[in-house]
PDB file of N, CA and C in Angstrom:
ATOM      1  N   MET A   1       3.170   7.259 -17.501  1.00  0.00           N
ATOM      2  CA  MET A   1       3.740   7.940 -16.337  1.00  0.00           C
ATOM      3  C   MET A   1       2.772   7.912 -15.155  1.00  0.00           C
ATOM      4  N   LYS A   2       1.477   8.003 -15.429  1.00  0.00           N
ATOM      5  CA  LYS A   2       0.504   7.979 -14.328  1.00  0.00           C
ATOM      6  C   LYS A   2       0.586   6.665 -13.561  1.00  0.00           C
ATOM      7  N   GLU A   3       0.752   5.553 -14.305  1.00  0.00           N
ATOM      8  CA  GLU A   3       0.823   4.254 -13.633  1.00  0.00           C
ATOM      9  C   GLU A   3       2.011   4.204 -12.683  1.00  0.00           C
ATOM     10  N   LEU A   4       3.161   4.676 -13.146  1.00  0.00           N
ATOM     11  CA  LEU A   4       4.362   4.656 -12.316  1.00  0.00           C
ATOM     12  C   LEU A   4       4.152   5.485 -11.060  1.00  0.00           C
ATOM     13  N   ARG A   5       3.535   6.628 -11.246  1.00  0.00           N
ATOM     14  CA  ARG A   5       3.286   7.518 -10.103  1.00  0.00           C
ATOM     15  C   ARG A   5       2.388   6.825  -9.084  1.00  0.00           C
ATOM     16  N   LYS A   6       1.366   6.126  -9.604  1.00  0.00           N
ATOM     17  CA  LYS A   6       0.427   5.425  -8.717  1.00  0.00           C
ATOM     18  C   LYS A   6       1.143   4.328  -7.931  1.00  0.00           C
ATOM     19  N   VAL A   7       2.003   3.576  -8.620  1.00  0.00           N
ATOM     20  CA  VAL A   7       2.747   2.499  -7.951  1.00  0.00           C
ATOM     21  C   VAL A   7       3.655   3.077  -6.873  1.00  0.00           C
ATOM     22  N   LEU A   8       4.330   4.180  -7.198  1.00  0.00           N
ATOM     23  CA  LEU A   8       5.221   4.796  -6.210  1.00  0.00           C
ATOM     24  C   LEU A   8       4.438   5.266  -4.993  1.00  0.00           C
ATOM     25  N   MET A   9       3.254   5.801  -5.230  1.00  0.00           N
ATOM     26  CA  MET A   9       2.425   6.273  -4.116  1.00  0.00           C
ATOM     27  C   MET A   9       2.021   5.086  -3.230  1.00  0.00           C
ATOM     28  N   VAL A  10       1.633   3.983  -3.866  1.00  0.00           N
ATOM     29  CA  VAL A  10       1.231   2.795  -3.116  1.00  0.00           C
ATOM     30  C   VAL A  10       2.407   2.259  -2.314  1.00  0.00           C
ATOM     31  N   LEU A  11       3.579   2.209  -2.947  1.00  0.00           N
ATOM     32  CA  LEU A  11       4.757   1.719  -2.235  1.00  0.00           C
ATOM     33  C   LEU A  11       5.077   2.624  -1.063  1.00  0.00           C
ATOM     34  N   GLY A  12       4.959   3.924  -1.267  1.00  0.00           N
ATOM     35  CA  GLY A  12       5.229   4.877  -0.190  1.00  0.00           C
ATOM     36  C   GLY A  12       4.266   4.684   0.968  1.00  0.00           C
ATOM     37  N   MET A  13       2.988   4.489   0.647  1.00  0.00           N
ATOM     38  CA  MET A  13       1.994   4.275   1.699  1.00  0.00           C
ATOM     39  C   MET A  13       2.272   2.971   2.434  1.00  0.00           C
ATOM     40  N   GLY A  14       2.616   1.933   1.686  1.00  0.00           N
ATOM     41  CA  GLY A  14       2.934   0.651   2.308  1.00  0.00           C
ATOM     42  C   GLY A  14       4.135   0.777   3.229  1.00  0.00           C
ATOM     43  N   TRP A  15       5.162   1.495   2.787  1.00  0.00           N
ATOM     44  CA  TRP A  15       6.348   1.698   3.611  1.00  0.00           C
ATOM     45  C   TRP A  15       5.997   2.459   4.880  1.00  0.00           C
ATOM     46  N   ALA A  16       5.164   3.484   4.717  1.00  0.00           N
ATOM     47  CA  ALA A  16       4.752   4.277   5.882  1.00  0.00           C
ATOM     48  C   ALA A  16       4.001   3.390   6.879  1.00  0.00           C
ATOM     49  N   MET A  17       3.160   2.490   6.382  1.00  0.00           N
ATOM     50  CA  MET A  17       2.404   1.619   7.274  1.00  0.00           C
ATOM     51  C   MET A  17       3.330   0.652   7.997  1.00  0.00           C
ATOM     52  N   VAL A  18       4.362   0.192   7.284  1.00  0.00           N
ATOM     53  CA  VAL A  18       5.315  -0.715   7.927  1.00  0.00           C
ATOM     54  C   VAL A  18       6.078   0.039   9.020  1.00  0.00           C
ATOM     55  N   MET A  19       6.480   1.266   8.729  1.00  0.00           N
ATOM     56  CA  MET A  19       7.243   2.052   9.694  1.00  0.00           C
ATOM     57  C   MET A  19       6.384   2.391  10.916  1.00  0.00           C
ATOM     58  N   PHE A  20       5.139   2.772  10.655  1.00  0.00           N
ATOM     59  CA  PHE A  20       4.241   3.126  11.757  1.00  0.00           C
ATOM     60  C   PHE A  20       3.238   1.988  11.952  1.00  0.00           C
ATOM     61  N   GLY A  21       3.725   0.889  12.464  1.00  0.00           N
ATOM     62  CA  GLY A  21       2.927  -0.337  12.534  1.00  0.00           C
ATOM     63  C   GLY A  21       1.590  -0.155  13.218  1.00  0.00           C
ATOM     64  N   GLU A  22       1.530   0.712  14.230  1.00  0.00           N
ATOM     65  CA  GLU A  22       0.283   0.881  14.965  1.00  0.00           C
ATOM     66  C   GLU A  22      -0.821   1.442  14.078  1.00  0.00           C
ATOM     67  N   GLU A  23      -0.424   2.166  13.043  1.00  0.00           N
ATOM     68  CA  GLU A  23      -1.413   2.837  12.195  1.00  0.00           C
ATOM     69  C   GLU A  23      -2.007   1.901  11.141  1.00  0.00           C
ATOM     70  N   VAL A  24      -1.477   0.692  11.029  1.00  0.00           N
ATOM     71  CA  VAL A  24      -1.861  -0.178   9.908  1.00  0.00           C
ATOM     72  C   VAL A  24      -3.344  -0.524   9.927  1.00  0.00           C
ATOM     73  N   GLU A  25      -3.900  -0.740  11.097  1.00  0.00           N
ATOM     74  CA  GLU A  25      -5.267  -1.245  11.166  1.00  0.00           C
ATOM     75  C   GLU A  25      -6.270  -0.363  10.439  1.00  0.00           C
ATOM     76  N   GLU A  26      -6.248   0.940  10.678  1.00  0.00           N
ATOM     77  CA  GLU A  26      -7.257   1.801  10.064  1.00  0.00           C
ATOM     78  C   GLU A  26      -7.078   2.003   8.564  1.00  0.00           C
ATOM     79  N   PRO A  27      -5.884   2.397   8.102  1.00  0.00           N
ATOM     80  CA  PRO A  27      -5.741   2.685   6.662  1.00  0.00           C
ATOM     81  C   PRO A  27      -5.978   1.460   5.781  1.00  0.00           C
ATOM     82  N   ARG A  28      -6.032   0.291   6.382  1.00  0.00           N
ATOM     83  CA  ARG A  28      -6.179  -0.911   5.570  1.00  0.00           C
ATOM     84  C   ARG A  28      -7.435  -0.850   4.706  1.00  0.00           C
ATOM     85  N   SER A  29      -8.430  -0.051   5.106  1.00  0.00           N
ATOM     86  CA  SER A  29      -9.678   0.030   4.352  1.00  0.00           C
ATOM     87  C   SER A  29      -9.440   0.537   2.933  1.00  0.00           C
ATOM     88  N   TRP A  30      -8.447   1.408   2.735  1.00  0.00           N
ATOM     89  CA  TRP A  30      -8.233   1.932   1.381  1.00  0.00           C
ATOM     90  C   TRP A  30      -7.707   0.858   0.446  1.00  0.00           C
ATOM     91  N   VAL A  31      -7.141  -0.214   1.016  1.00  0.00           N
ATOM     92  CA  VAL A  31      -6.648  -1.308   0.170  1.00  0.00           C
ATOM     93  C   VAL A  31      -7.813  -1.976  -0.550  1.00  0.00           C
ATOM     94  N   ARG A  32      -8.992  -1.954   0.066  1.00  0.00           N
ATOM     95  CA  ARG A  32     -10.147  -2.620  -0.522  1.00  0.00           C
ATOM     96  C   ARG A  32     -10.890  -1.727  -1.507  1.00  0.00           C
ATOM     97  N   SER A  33     -10.253  -0.676  -1.956  1.00  0.00           N
ATOM     98  CA  SER A  33     -10.898   0.227  -2.906  1.00  0.00           C
ATOM     99  C   SER A  33     -11.169  -0.509  -4.217  1.00  0.00           C
ATOM    100  N   PRO A  34     -12.072   0.002  -5.040  1.00  0.00           N
ATOM    101  CA  PRO A  34     -12.446  -0.667  -6.287  1.00  0.00           C
ATOM    102  C   PRO A  34     -11.271  -0.908  -7.222  1.00  0.00           C
ATOM    103  N   SER A  35     -10.219  -0.112  -7.104  1.00  0.00           N
ATOM    104  CA  SER A  35      -9.071  -0.266  -8.001  1.00  0.00           C
ATOM    105  C   SER A  35      -8.255  -1.487  -7.579  1.00  0.00           C
ATOM    106  N   SER A  36      -8.336  -2.553  -8.369  1.00  0.00           N
ATOM    107  CA  SER A  36      -7.690  -3.800  -7.974  1.00  0.00           C
ATOM    108  C   SER A  36      -6.171  -3.672  -7.983  1.00  0.00           C
ATOM    109  N   ASP A  37      -5.598  -2.867  -8.879  1.00  0.00           N
ATOM    110  CA  ASP A  37      -4.141  -2.797  -8.933  1.00  0.00           C
ATOM    111  C   ASP A  37      -3.566  -2.181  -7.660  1.00  0.00           C
ATOM    112  N   VAL A  38      -4.382  -1.455  -6.908  1.00  0.00           N
ATOM    113  CA  VAL A  38      -3.879  -0.908  -5.648  1.00  0.00           C
ATOM    114  C   VAL A  38      -3.596  -2.046  -4.672  1.00  0.00           C
ATOM    115  N   SER A  39      -4.565  -2.941  -4.503  1.00  0.00           N
ATOM    116  CA  SER A  39      -4.372  -4.042  -3.560  1.00  0.00           C
ATOM    117  C   SER A  39      -3.303  -5.008  -4.076  1.00  0.00           C
ATOM    118  N   VAL A  40      -3.254  -5.224  -5.385  1.00  0.00           N
ATOM    119  CA  VAL A  40      -2.253  -6.123  -5.957  1.00  0.00           C
ATOM    120  C   VAL A  40      -0.857  -5.564  -5.717  1.00  0.00           C
ATOM    121  N   SER A  41      -0.697  -4.247  -5.886  1.00  0.00           N
ATOM    122  CA  SER A  41       0.612  -3.631  -5.682  1.00  0.00           C
ATOM    123  C   SER A  41       0.959  -3.603  -4.210  1.00  0.00           C
ATOM    124  N   TYR A  42      -0.052  -3.568  -3.367  1.00  0.00           N
ATOM    125  CA  TYR A  42       0.164  -3.382  -1.936  1.00  0.00           C
ATOM    126  C   TYR A  42       0.663  -4.652  -1.254  1.00  0.00           C
ATOM    127  N   GLN A  43       0.165  -5.803  -1.683  1.00  0.00           N
ATOM    128  CA  GLN A  43       0.490  -7.046  -0.998  1.00  0.00           C
ATOM    129  C   GLN A  43       1.986  -7.368  -0.978  1.00  0.00           C
ATOM    130  N   PRO A  44       2.724  -7.213  -2.070  1.00  0.00           N
ATOM    131  CA  PRO A  44       4.175  -7.463  -2.016  1.00  0.00           C
ATOM    132  C   PRO A  44       4.876  -6.550  -1.013  1.00  0.00           C
ATOM    133  N   VAL A  45       4.344  -5.364  -0.806  1.00  0.00           N
ATOM    134  CA  VAL A  45       4.942  -4.442   0.158  1.00  0.00           C
ATOM    135  C   VAL A  45       4.832  -5.033   1.566  1.00  0.00           C
ATOM    136  N   LEU A  46       3.680  -5.619   1.861  1.00  0.00           N
ATOM    137  CA  LEU A  46       3.493  -6.248   3.163  1.00  0.00           C
ATOM    138  C   LEU A  46       4.500  -7.381   3.346  1.00  0.00           C
ATOM    139  N   GLY A  47       4.676  -8.176   2.298  1.00  0.00           N
ATOM    140  CA  GLY A  47       5.625  -9.285   2.378  1.00  0.00           C
ATOM    141  C   GLY A  47       7.039  -8.789   2.625  1.00  0.00           C
ATOM    142  N   ALA A  48       7.416  -7.704   1.963  1.00  0.00           N
ATOM    143  CA  ALA A  48       8.765  -7.155   2.133  1.00  0.00           C
ATOM    144  C   ALA A  48       8.944  -6.596   3.539  1.00  0.00           C
ATOM    145  N   GLY A  49       7.851  -6.061   4.108  1.00  0.00           N
ATOM    146  CA  GLY A  49       7.939  -5.474   5.443  1.00  0.00           C
ATOM    147  C   GLY A  49       8.178  -6.533   6.506  1.00  0.00           C
ATOM    148  N   ASN A  50       7.598  -7.712   6.302  1.00  0.00           N
ATOM    149  CA  ASN A  50       7.777  -8.780   7.283  1.00  0.00           C
ATOM    150  C   ASN A  50       9.036  -9.534   6.944  1.00  0.00           C
TER     151      ASN A  50
END
């Protein structure tokens, strides 16, 4: 269940960044966090947004 929750949170953050495009530049730093599954989950969100 924790994994699902984490994925949903990442998707939500990605969606928020797509909606508020101006804000994307700064929060991008959290994508580079040590947890690789965060960045892996995040990239498809970017593709869907474009």
